[in-house]
Protein backbone atom coordinates (compact mmCIF):
# COMPACT_ATOMS: atom_id res chain seq x y z
CA UNK A 1 0.00 0.00 0.00
CA UNK A 2 2.80 2.44 0.91
CA UNK A 3 4.55 1.72 -2.40
CA UNK A 4 1.33 2.44 -4.30
CA UNK A 5 0.88 5.80 -2.53
CA UNK A 6 4.55 6.67 -3.11
CA UNK A 7 4.27 5.78 -6.79
CA UNK A 8 1.09 7.85 -7.15
CA UNK A 9 2.67 10.90 -5.48
CA UNK A 10 5.84 10.55 -7.56
CA UNK A 11 3.75 10.27 -10.71
CA UNK A 12 1.83 13.43 -9.85
CA UNK A 13 5.04 15.33 -9.15
CA UNK A 14 6.47 14.32 -12.50
CA UNK A 15 3.26 15.14 -14.38
CA UNK A 16 2.65 18.48 -12.66
CA UNK A 17 6.24 19.63 -12.61
CA UNK A 18 5.86 21.10 -9.13
CA UNK A 19 9.59 21.64 -8.68
CA UNK A 20 10.97 25.03 -9.70
CA UNK A 21 13.13 25.10 -12.79
CA UNK A 22 16.88 25.66 -12.30
CA UNK A 23 16.49 29.12 -13.90
CA UNK A 24 14.04 30.19 -11.18
CA UNK A 25 16.15 28.98 -8.27
CA UNK A 26 19.58 30.05 -9.47
CA UNK A 27 20.73 33.18 -7.62
CA UNK A 28 21.61 36.22 -9.71
CA UNK A 29 25.32 37.04 -9.70
CA UNK A 30 26.49 40.30 -8.14
CA UNK A 31 26.86 43.29 -10.49
CA UNK A 32 30.32 44.53 -11.40
CA UNK A 33 29.71 47.33 -13.94
CA UNK A 34 27.03 49.63 -15.33
CA UNK A 35 26.85 51.15 -18.81
CA UNK A 36 24.41 53.78 -20.07
CA UNK A 37 25.11 54.30 -23.80
CA UNK A 38 22.70 57.24 -24.28
CA UNK A 39 24.81 59.44 -22.00
CA UNK A 40 28.21 57.79 -22.48
CA UNK A 41 28.42 56.61 -18.86
CA UNK A 42 30.32 53.49 -17.81
CA UNK A 43 31.69 52.51 -14.39
CA UNK A 44 32.65 49.54 -12.35
CA UNK A 45 30.41 49.03 -9.32
CA UNK A 46 31.44 48.93 -5.69
CA UNK A 47 29.14 47.46 -3.01
CA UNK A 48 27.43 50.03 -0.79
CA UNK A 49 25.72 49.54 2.55
CA UNK A 50 24.29 51.83 5.20
CA UNK A 51 25.85 54.72 7.10
CA UNK A 52 25.64 54.80 10.90
CA UNK A 53 22.57 57.07 10.65
CA UNK A 54 20.73 54.51 8.50
CA UNK A 55 21.09 56.37 5.20
CA UNK A 56 22.43 54.61 2.14
CA UNK A 57 26.13 55.04 1.48
CA UNK A 58 27.34 56.73 -1.68
CA UNK A 59 30.60 56.13 -3.54
CA UNK A 60 33.51 58.31 -2.37
CA UNK A 61 33.04 61.88 -3.62
CA UNK A 62 36.80 61.91 -4.21
CA UNK A 63 36.15 59.38 -7.00
CA UNK A 64 33.21 60.99 -8.83
CA UNK A 65 33.46 58.58 -11.76
CA UNK A 66 32.73 55.59 -9.50
CA UNK A 67 29.21 54.15 -9.18
CA UNK A 68 28.02 51.82 -6.45
CA UNK A 69 25.33 49.19 -5.95
CA UNK A 70 23.25 49.08 -2.76
CA UNK A 71 24.18 45.52 -1.79
CA UNK A 72 21.56 45.16 0.97
CA UNK A 73 18.87 45.12 -1.73
CA UNK A 74 18.25 42.96 -4.80
CA UNK A 75 20.97 42.45 -7.38
CA UNK A 76 20.10 43.77 -10.84
CA UNK A 77 17.90 41.11 -12.45
CA UNK A 78 16.46 39.79 -9.19
CA UNK A 79 12.83 40.58 -8.31
CA UNK A 80 12.62 43.98 -6.67
CA UNK A 81 14.34 47.32 -7.16
CA UNK A 82 18.13 47.13 -7.53
CA UNK A 83 19.67 50.52 -6.71
CA UNK A 84 22.80 52.04 -8.25
CA UNK A 85 24.09 55.37 -6.95
CA UNK A 86 26.64 57.78 -8.38
CA UNK A 87 27.71 61.40 -8.09
CA UNK A 88 26.75 64.22 -10.42
CA UNK A 89 30.18 65.74 -9.72
CA UNK A 90 32.99 65.78 -7.20
CA UNK A 91 36.54 67.07 -6.86
CA UNK A 92 35.60 69.73 -9.44
CA UNK A 93 35.05 67.01 -12.05
CA UNK A 94 31.89 65.64 -13.67
CA UNK A 95 30.62 62.51 -11.98
CA UNK A 96 29.49 59.21 -13.47
CA UNK A 97 25.88 60.44 -13.40
CA UNK A 98 26.58 64.03 -14.55
CA UNK A 99 24.23 63.52 -17.51
CA UNK A 100 21.69 61.23 -15.81
CA UNK A 101 18.99 63.92 -16.07
CA UNK A 102 19.23 63.64 -19.88
CA UNK A 103 17.87 60.08 -20.00
CA UNK A 104 14.48 59.47 -21.59
CA UNK A 105 11.99 56.61 -21.56
CA UNK A 106 13.26 53.88 -23.87
CA UNK A 107 16.97 54.48 -23.15
CA UNK A 108 18.89 51.36 -22.13
CA UNK A 109 20.99 50.57 -19.08
CA UNK A 110 23.24 47.50 -19.12
CA UNK A 111 24.55 45.88 -15.95
CA UNK A 112 27.42 43.37 -16.18
CA UNK A 113 27.70 40.65 -13.56
CA UNK A 114 30.61 38.83 -11.98
CA UNK A 115 29.69 35.60 -13.82
CA UNK A 116 29.91 37.33 -17.23
CA UNK A 117 26.15 37.60 -17.72
CA UNK A 118 24.36 40.90 -18.34
CA UNK A 119 21.02 42.36 -17.33
CA UNK A 120 19.48 44.90 -19.69
CA UNK A 121 17.02 47.50 -18.46
CA UNK A 122 14.79 50.02 -20.23
CA UNK A 123 14.18 53.46 -18.71
CA UNK A 124 10.48 54.06 -18.03
CA UNK A 125 10.64 57.40 -16.22
CA UNK A 126 12.83 59.99 -14.56
CA UNK A 127 12.04 62.40 -11.75
CA UNK A 128 13.76 65.15 -9.80
CA UNK A 129 12.54 65.55 -6.23
CA UNK A 130 13.64 67.64 -3.24
CA UNK A 131 15.79 65.51 -0.94
CA UNK A 132 13.39 66.30 1.91
CA UNK A 133 10.63 64.59 -0.12
CA UNK A 134 12.65 61.57 -1.27
CA UNK A 135 10.21 58.82 -2.39
CA UNK A 136 11.65 56.00 -0.29
CA UNK A 137 8.77 53.59 -0.93
CA UNK A 138 8.90 54.13 -4.71
CA UNK A 139 12.67 53.65 -4.80
CA UNK A 140 13.17 50.78 -2.35
CA UNK A 141 9.67 49.25 -2.05
CA UNK A 142 8.51 45.95 -3.52
CA UNK A 143 7.97 45.67 -7.27
CA UNK A 144 6.24 43.05 -9.40
CA UNK A 145 9.49 42.06 -11.10
CA UNK A 146 13.14 43.02 -11.56
CA UNK A 147 13.62 46.78 -11.73
CA UNK A 148 16.51 49.22 -11.50
CA UNK A 149 16.89 52.64 -9.90
CA UNK A 150 19.72 55.04 -10.74
CA UNK A 151 20.15 57.87 -8.25
CA UNK A 152 22.26 61.02 -8.15
CA UNK A 153 22.06 64.59 -6.90
CA UNK A 154 20.54 67.42 -8.91
CA UNK A 155 18.99 70.83 -8.87
CA UNK A 156 20.61 73.79 -7.16
CA UNK A 157 23.84 73.38 -5.22
CA UNK A 158 23.46 74.73 -1.68
CA UNK A 159 26.86 76.16 -0.71
CA UNK A 160 25.90 76.35 2.97
CA UNK A 161 25.24 72.60 3.23
CA UNK A 162 27.71 71.73 0.45
CA UNK A 163 25.06 69.55 -1.13
CA UNK A 164 22.56 69.58 -3.96
CA UNK A 165 18.97 70.21 -2.89
CA UNK A 166 17.36 67.54 -5.10
CA UNK A 167 17.72 63.90 -6.09
CA UNK A 168 17.48 62.72 -9.69
CA UNK A 169 15.97 59.24 -9.90
CA UNK A 170 15.72 57.04 -12.99
CA UNK A 171 13.29 54.11 -12.95
CA UNK A 172 13.95 51.21 -15.33
CA UNK A 173 12.51 47.74 -15.91
CA UNK A 174 14.19 44.54 -17.08
CA UNK A 175 13.83 44.17 -20.81
Foldseek 3Di string as FASTA:
>chain_A
DVVVVVVVVVVVCVVVVPDDDPVVPDADFAWFKKAFVVVGFIETEDEWEADPVGHTDAPDLQQQAHKYWDVVAGHQFFFFETEIEGECHHPPGGHRCVPVVVDDFQGKMWTAGPVGDIWIKTWDDKDKDFPVPDPCCVRGNGDPGGKYKYKYADDDQDPVVRGGGIMMIIIIDTD
